Protein backbone atom coordinates (compact mmCIF):
# COMPACT_ATOMS: atom_id res chain seq x y z
CA UNK A 1 -44.05 -24.58 0.23
CA UNK A 2 -45.06 -21.28 1.81
CA UNK A 3 -44.14 -22.60 5.26
CA UNK A 4 -40.61 -23.37 4.08
CA UNK A 5 -40.30 -19.90 2.58
CA UNK A 6 -41.50 -18.27 5.78
CA UNK A 7 -39.07 -20.41 7.80
CA UNK A 8 -36.14 -19.37 5.59
CA UNK A 9 -37.06 -15.68 5.89
CA UNK A 10 -37.38 -15.95 9.67
CA UNK A 11 -34.03 -17.72 9.98
CA UNK A 12 -32.41 -15.09 7.77
CA UNK A 13 -33.80 -12.22 9.82
CA UNK A 14 -32.70 -13.91 13.04
CA UNK A 15 -29.16 -14.42 11.68
CA UNK A 16 -28.89 -10.78 10.62
CA UNK A 17 -30.21 -9.62 13.99
CA UNK A 18 -27.75 -11.85 15.85
CA UNK A 19 -24.82 -10.61 13.76
CA UNK A 20 -25.87 -7.00 14.25
CA UNK A 21 -26.17 -7.47 18.00
CA UNK A 22 -22.73 -9.14 18.13
CA UNK A 23 -21.06 -6.31 16.24
CA UNK A 24 -22.93 -3.51 18.00
CA UNK A 25 -22.05 -4.92 21.41
CA UNK A 26 -18.35 -4.66 20.53
CA UNK A 27 -17.51 -8.35 20.71
CA UNK A 28 -15.71 -8.47 17.35
CA UNK A 29 -11.90 -8.64 17.78
CA UNK A 30 -10.78 -5.47 16.01
CA UNK A 31 -7.12 -5.58 17.13
CA UNK A 32 -4.48 -5.97 14.42
CA UNK A 33 -2.86 -8.77 16.44
CA UNK A 34 -5.96 -10.97 16.09
CA UNK A 35 -6.60 -12.39 12.59
CA UNK A 36 -9.97 -12.04 10.90
CA UNK A 37 -12.22 -15.05 10.63
CA UNK A 38 -11.32 -16.87 7.37
CA UNK A 39 -14.67 -16.01 5.79
CA UNK A 40 -14.31 -12.33 6.76
CA UNK A 41 -10.80 -12.18 5.30
CA UNK A 42 -11.92 -13.90 2.11
CA UNK A 43 -14.80 -11.46 1.58
CA UNK A 44 -12.58 -8.44 2.27
CA UNK A 45 -9.81 -9.61 -0.05
CA UNK A 46 -12.23 -10.41 -2.85
CA UNK A 47 -13.99 -7.06 -2.45
CA UNK A 48 -10.68 -5.18 -2.46
CA UNK A 49 -9.28 -6.98 -5.53
CA UNK A 50 -12.44 -6.59 -7.61
CA UNK A 51 -12.84 -2.93 -6.65
CA UNK A 52 -9.24 -2.07 -7.58
CA UNK A 53 -9.41 -3.87 -10.92
CA UNK A 54 -12.69 -2.18 -11.82
CA UNK A 55 -11.65 1.32 -10.80
CA UNK A 56 -8.19 1.09 -12.37
CA UNK A 57 -9.29 -0.39 -15.71
CA UNK A 58 -9.50 2.91 -17.62
CA UNK A 59 -6.19 4.34 -16.40
CA UNK A 60 -3.80 5.19 -19.23
CA UNK A 61 -0.26 4.00 -18.54
CA UNK A 62 2.39 6.53 -19.68
CA UNK A 63 4.71 5.45 -22.47
CA UNK A 64 7.82 6.54 -20.54
CA UNK A 65 7.44 4.07 -17.66
CA UNK A 66 10.83 2.54 -18.49
CA UNK A 67 12.62 5.90 -18.57
CA UNK A 68 15.77 5.72 -16.42
CA UNK A 69 15.33 9.19 -14.89
CA UNK A 70 11.71 8.48 -13.98
CA UNK A 71 12.71 5.23 -12.28
CA UNK A 72 15.47 6.93 -10.28
CA UNK A 73 13.02 9.63 -9.18
CA UNK A 74 10.64 6.92 -7.99
CA UNK A 75 13.43 5.23 -6.05
CA UNK A 76 13.73 8.17 -3.66
CA UNK A 77 9.98 8.32 -3.18
CA UNK A 78 9.74 4.58 -2.56
CA UNK A 79 12.60 4.45 -0.04
CA UNK A 80 10.99 7.18 2.05
CA UNK A 81 7.30 6.42 1.67
CA UNK A 82 6.93 2.72 0.90
CA UNK A 83 9.85 0.47 1.89
CA UNK A 84 9.01 0.51 5.57
CA UNK A 85 5.79 -1.42 4.82
CA UNK A 86 6.38 -2.98 1.39
CA UNK A 87 10.06 -3.91 1.94
CA UNK A 88 12.96 -3.76 -0.54
CA UNK A 89 15.78 -6.00 -1.78
CA UNK A 90 17.83 -6.97 1.28
CA UNK A 91 15.14 -5.72 3.69
CA UNK A 92 13.11 -8.68 4.93
CA UNK A 93 11.11 -7.05 7.72
CA UNK A 94 10.55 -3.90 9.75
CA UNK A 95 8.90 -3.20 13.09
CA UNK A 96 6.08 -1.33 11.35
CA UNK A 97 5.34 -4.14 8.89
CA UNK A 98 5.38 -6.73 11.69
CA UNK A 99 2.42 -4.99 13.33
CA UNK A 100 0.31 -4.55 10.19
CA UNK A 101 -2.64 -6.85 9.46
CA UNK A 102 -3.22 -7.94 6.82
CA UNK A 103 0.43 -7.50 5.87
CA UNK A 104 1.10 -5.43 2.73
CA UNK A 105 2.47 -7.21 -0.35
CA UNK A 106 6.23 -7.48 -0.56
CA UNK A 107 6.84 -5.34 -3.64
CA UNK A 108 10.45 -6.49 -3.93
CA UNK A 109 9.23 -9.94 -4.95
CA UNK A 110 5.80 -9.34 -6.53
CA UNK A 111 5.40 -8.01 -10.06
CA UNK A 112 2.45 -5.62 -9.95
CA UNK A 113 0.04 -4.37 -12.62
CA UNK A 114 0.93 -0.69 -13.31
CA UNK A 115 -2.71 0.43 -13.44
CA UNK A 116 -3.54 -1.17 -10.11
CA UNK A 117 -0.32 0.12 -8.54
CA UNK A 118 -1.08 3.66 -9.64
CA UNK A 119 -4.67 3.54 -8.41
CA UNK A 120 -3.79 2.12 -5.00
CA UNK A 121 -0.87 4.52 -4.53
CA UNK A 122 -3.01 7.51 -5.44
CA UNK A 123 -6.24 6.61 -3.62
CA UNK A 124 -5.08 4.30 -0.81
CA UNK A 125 -7.21 1.55 0.71
CA UNK A 126 -9.62 2.08 3.58
CA UNK A 127 -8.85 0.49 6.96
CA UNK A 128 -5.61 -1.07 5.71
CA UNK A 129 -2.88 1.43 6.61
CA UNK A 130 -2.35 2.26 2.92
CA UNK A 131 -2.39 6.09 2.56
CA UNK A 132 -3.90 8.00 -0.35
CA UNK A 133 -0.66 9.58 -1.57
CA UNK A 134 -2.61 11.45 -4.25
CA UNK A 135 -3.67 13.94 -1.59
CA UNK A 136 -0.09 15.19 -1.28
CA UNK A 137 1.64 14.06 -4.47
CA UNK A 138 0.86 14.75 -8.12
CA UNK A 139 0.30 12.11 -10.79
CA UNK A 140 3.78 12.50 -12.31
CA UNK A 141 5.39 11.70 -8.96
CA UNK A 142 3.08 8.71 -8.42
CA UNK A 143 3.91 7.38 -11.90
CA UNK A 144 7.61 7.62 -11.01
CA UNK A 145 6.90 5.37 -8.04
CA UNK A 146 5.02 2.95 -10.29
CA UNK A 147 7.96 2.91 -12.70
CA UNK A 148 10.34 2.08 -9.88
CA UNK A 149 8.04 -0.58 -8.38
CA UNK A 150 7.91 -2.29 -11.80
CA UNK A 151 11.70 -2.51 -11.77
CA UNK A 152 12.05 -3.47 -8.10
CA UNK A 153 11.65 -7.30 -8.29
CA UNK A 154 14.64 -7.53 -10.66
CA UNK A 155 16.97 -5.54 -8.38
CA UNK A 156 19.66 -6.84 -6.09
CA UNK A 157 20.14 -5.19 -2.68
CA UNK A 158 23.21 -3.37 -4.01
CA UNK A 159 21.39 -2.10 -7.09
CA UNK A 160 18.54 -0.88 -4.89
CA UNK A 161 20.85 1.05 -2.57
CA UNK A 162 22.77 2.56 -5.48
CA UNK A 163 19.59 3.74 -7.19
CA UNK A 164 18.19 5.23 -3.98
CA UNK A 165 21.50 7.05 -3.45
CA UNK A 166 21.18 8.62 -6.91
CA UNK A 167 17.67 9.89 -6.26
CA UNK A 168 16.95 13.51 -5.40
CA UNK A 169 15.76 14.29 -1.86
CA UNK A 170 12.14 13.40 -1.24
CA UNK A 171 9.68 16.31 -1.27
CA UNK A 172 6.80 15.93 1.17
CA UNK A 173 4.23 17.84 -0.85
CA UNK A 174 3.89 17.24 -4.59
CA UNK A 175 0.14 17.73 -4.90
CA UNK A 176 -2.15 20.77 -4.93
CA UNK A 177 -1.76 23.16 -2.03
CA UNK A 178 -4.55 24.58 0.09
CA UNK A 179 -5.49 26.95 -2.75
CA UNK A 180 -5.61 24.21 -5.39
CA UNK A 181 -2.27 25.15 -7.01
CA UNK A 182 0.32 22.51 -7.89
CA UNK A 183 3.98 23.22 -7.13
CA UNK A 184 6.18 24.02 -10.07
CA UNK A 185 9.06 21.82 -8.98
CA UNK A 186 8.27 18.25 -8.05
CA UNK A 187 11.72 17.22 -6.95
CA UNK A 188 12.05 19.77 -4.17
CA UNK A 189 14.78 19.97 -1.61
CA UNK A 190 12.66 19.13 1.39
CA UNK A 191 11.88 15.82 2.89
CA UNK A 192 8.82 14.50 4.70
CA UNK A 193 9.10 14.66 8.49
CA UNK A 194 12.81 15.45 8.15
CA UNK A 195 13.80 11.87 7.28
CA UNK A 196 16.48 11.23 4.70
CA UNK A 197 15.77 9.36 1.48
CA UNK A 198 17.07 6.08 2.89
CA UNK A 199 14.53 6.05 5.70
CA UNK A 200 12.59 3.12 4.32
CA UNK A 201 15.56 0.80 4.43
CA UNK A 202 17.13 1.93 7.67
CA UNK A 203 14.64 3.43 10.12
CA UNK A 204 11.77 2.35 12.33
CA UNK A 205 13.73 -0.55 13.69
CA UNK A 206 14.44 -2.22 10.35
CA UNK A 207 15.88 -5.61 11.13
CA UNK A 208 18.87 -7.30 9.60
CA UNK A 209 18.23 -9.59 6.63
CA UNK A 210 17.16 -12.97 7.86
CA UNK A 211 15.10 -11.68 10.77
CA UNK A 212 11.50 -12.72 10.41
CA UNK A 213 8.40 -11.75 12.32
CA UNK A 214 5.32 -13.95 12.58
CA UNK A 215 3.25 -13.57 9.44
CA UNK A 216 -0.46 -12.88 9.48
CA UNK A 217 -2.76 -13.87 6.66
CA UNK A 218 -2.13 -11.90 3.45
């Protein structure tokens, strides 16, 4: 019995050493155009999902999430900050999204949990391309994005464009400044990087509906 136990320990140590050598030597394909091994992807997806659910469980969802003005405010934020990766009604792909791996969820077709959406939008996800928007935007602005994302799967392309057109210009900085002070006006007149509020649906080489890029594993 002890011999079997020793053999298992030795094999385990050898496997760990081999894996460490493989990774340290730089052999692992880190490029976004090469999919993960299935087991690697499965572990990462499971870790991500469980972590988000655990860390978002105590978030209190505001009672005004269906407020029309809040949803319109979120529309402008989403078009500028999110649509280029997460798509929108009538927008089936973009050049940026085509090069992301794993590809972000298509929020125009997936109904999301508000708590999880808020947490991910605020804190981002490491090594995924998802920014932590909470570093530059306050909670009220992030909740407006959540409110809009909740509405998004029920929208037609025309409804989406009309709502984005109604939205106020996107303000790049809604969060605390360098001195820890939050701005008094969240709507602002500025706009991140000088793009207009329709950037998400029209820039970065957004392709016509019907154009598809090869899909990586989600």
